[in-house]
Amino acid sequence: MTAPFPSRRAPDLALRIATTSRRTPRMALACLTLAWVAAMGVVDEARADLALVVTNNRSLGLGRPDLQYADDDGAKWQELFEALYGPEHTTVLTTFDPPARTLFPELATTTLAPTLAN
């Protein structure tokens, strides 16, 4: 059995994502847990691992403010899953706000909006 990624890269990427995140410590813990599990290198060759990351900054309730960092967090999750599963097995659906477009310019040009059609 072989790992689908360089095992040394994923923990480093997860740590970078976790330490630069503007979200709660739970996200950092989730990133590190995913990296640890991935670094174990246990892969079932008959199984295909895929990652679909969907984010939305818009509030669904009238009385709730819009979110600010959901698109940024989605891009960071995409980086982690791309390191784990490869770019051909990772998709992110989001609409980047202007600050996120400057932080993730390559990803901003290739992502699709999170719609029912996508």
Protein backbone atom coordinates (compact mmCIF):
# COMPACT_ATOMS: atom_id res chain seq x y z
CA MET A 1 0.00 0.00 0.00
CA THR A 2 1.26 3.45 -0.84
CA ALA A 3 0.17 6.87 0.30
CA PRO A 4 -1.45 9.11 -2.38
CA PHE A 5 0.74 12.07 -1.39
CA PRO A 6 4.15 12.81 0.07
CA SER A 7 3.55 12.00 3.74
CA ARG A 8 5.86 14.78 4.95
CA ARG A 9 4.02 17.54 3.06
CA ALA A 10 0.47 17.05 4.36
CA PRO A 11 1.20 17.62 8.08
CA ASP A 12 3.21 20.75 7.25
CA LEU A 13 0.39 22.08 5.08
CA ALA A 14 -2.20 21.28 7.74
CA LEU A 15 -0.15 23.05 10.38
CA ARG A 16 0.22 26.12 8.14
CA ILE A 17 -3.52 26.17 7.47
CA ALA A 18 -4.35 25.65 11.13
CA THR A 19 -2.04 28.38 12.38
CA THR A 20 -3.11 30.97 9.80
CA SER A 21 -6.83 30.33 10.14
CA ARG A 22 -9.06 33.09 11.47
CA ARG A 23 -11.55 30.53 12.74
CA THR A 24 -11.90 28.68 16.02
CA PRO A 25 -9.37 26.21 17.44
CA ARG A 26 -11.73 23.41 16.37
CA MET A 27 -10.74 23.99 12.74
CA ALA A 28 -7.07 23.76 13.70
CA LEU A 29 -7.73 20.51 15.51
CA ALA A 30 -9.64 19.14 12.51
CA CYS A 31 -6.78 20.05 10.15
CA LEU A 32 -4.18 18.41 12.35
CA THR A 33 -6.33 15.31 12.82
CA LEU A 34 -6.81 14.94 9.08
CA ALA A 35 -3.10 15.37 8.49
CA TRP A 36 -2.26 12.79 11.14
CA VAL A 37 -4.68 10.24 9.68
CA ALA A 38 -3.35 10.91 6.18
CA ALA A 39 0.25 10.64 7.32
CA MET A 40 -0.44 7.12 8.55
CA GLY A 41 -0.33 6.13 4.87
CA VAL A 42 -3.11 3.55 5.07
CA VAL A 43 -4.75 3.51 1.67
CA ASP A 44 -7.25 1.06 0.22
CA GLU A 45 -6.32 0.74 -3.47
CA ALA A 46 -9.89 -0.24 -4.40
CA ARG A 47 -11.32 2.97 -2.94
CA ALA A 48 -11.23 6.41 -4.54
CA ASP A 49 -11.02 9.34 -2.14
CA LEU A 50 -12.68 12.54 -3.31
CA ALA A 51 -13.13 15.92 -1.66
CA LEU A 52 -15.89 18.40 -2.43
CA VAL A 53 -15.64 21.70 -0.55
CA VAL A 54 -18.70 23.98 -0.75
CA THR A 55 -18.73 27.38 0.95
CA ASN A 56 -21.13 30.29 1.05
CA ASN A 57 -20.66 33.72 2.63
CA ARG A 58 -24.31 34.68 2.21
CA SER A 59 -26.61 34.33 5.20
CA LEU A 60 -29.72 32.25 4.69
CA GLY A 61 -31.66 34.07 7.40
CA LEU A 62 -32.96 37.61 7.10
CA GLY A 63 -31.89 38.54 10.61
CA ARG A 64 -28.38 37.14 10.33
CA PRO A 65 -25.33 38.98 8.95
CA ASP A 66 -23.36 37.54 6.05
CA LEU A 67 -20.20 35.58 6.83
CA GLN A 68 -16.80 37.00 5.98
CA TYR A 69 -14.36 34.10 5.84
CA ALA A 70 -16.24 31.06 4.52
CA ASP A 71 -14.63 31.42 1.08
CA ASP A 72 -11.15 31.80 2.64
CA ASP A 73 -11.71 28.72 4.80
CA GLY A 74 -12.94 26.78 1.76
CA ALA A 75 -9.76 27.64 -0.12
CA LYS A 76 -7.65 26.46 2.81
CA TRP A 77 -9.60 23.19 3.04
CA GLN A 78 -9.11 22.76 -0.70
CA GLU A 79 -5.32 23.15 -0.24
CA LEU A 80 -5.35 20.47 2.44
CA PHE A 81 -7.48 18.00 0.48
CA GLU A 82 -5.49 18.64 -2.69
CA ALA A 83 -2.34 17.68 -0.79
CA LEU A 84 -4.08 14.54 0.48
CA TYR A 85 -5.94 13.35 -2.62
CA GLY A 86 -4.43 15.30 -5.52
CA PRO A 87 -5.92 18.10 -7.62
CA GLU A 88 -7.84 15.71 -9.86
CA HIS A 89 -9.80 14.42 -6.84
CA THR A 90 -10.55 17.78 -5.21
CA THR A 91 -13.22 20.33 -6.12
CA VAL A 92 -14.20 23.59 -4.43
CA LEU A 93 -17.45 25.44 -5.09
CA THR A 94 -17.49 29.01 -3.81
CA THR A 95 -17.78 32.64 -4.81
CA PHE A 96 -14.72 34.56 -3.65
CA ASP A 97 -15.07 38.08 -2.27
CA PRO A 98 -12.45 40.67 -3.39
CA PRO A 99 -10.03 40.08 -0.46
CA ALA A 100 -10.10 36.31 -1.02
CA ARG A 101 -9.50 36.79 -4.76
CA THR A 102 -6.23 38.51 -3.95
CA LEU A 103 -5.23 35.80 -1.46
CA PHE A 104 -6.10 32.89 -3.78
CA PRO A 105 -5.82 34.26 -7.36
CA GLU A 106 -5.29 30.90 -9.11
CA LEU A 107 -8.13 29.22 -7.28
CA ALA A 108 -10.43 32.21 -7.79
CA THR A 109 -10.18 31.83 -11.58
CA THR A 110 -10.95 28.10 -11.62
CA THR A 111 -13.74 27.64 -9.08
CA LEU A 112 -17.43 27.41 -9.86
CA ALA A 113 -20.23 29.04 -7.91
CA PRO A 114 -22.07 26.84 -5.38
CA THR A 115 -25.32 26.38 -7.27
CA LEU A 116 -27.66 23.40 -7.64
CA ALA A 117 -26.46 22.98 -11.23
CA ASN A 118 -22.85 22.52 -10.09
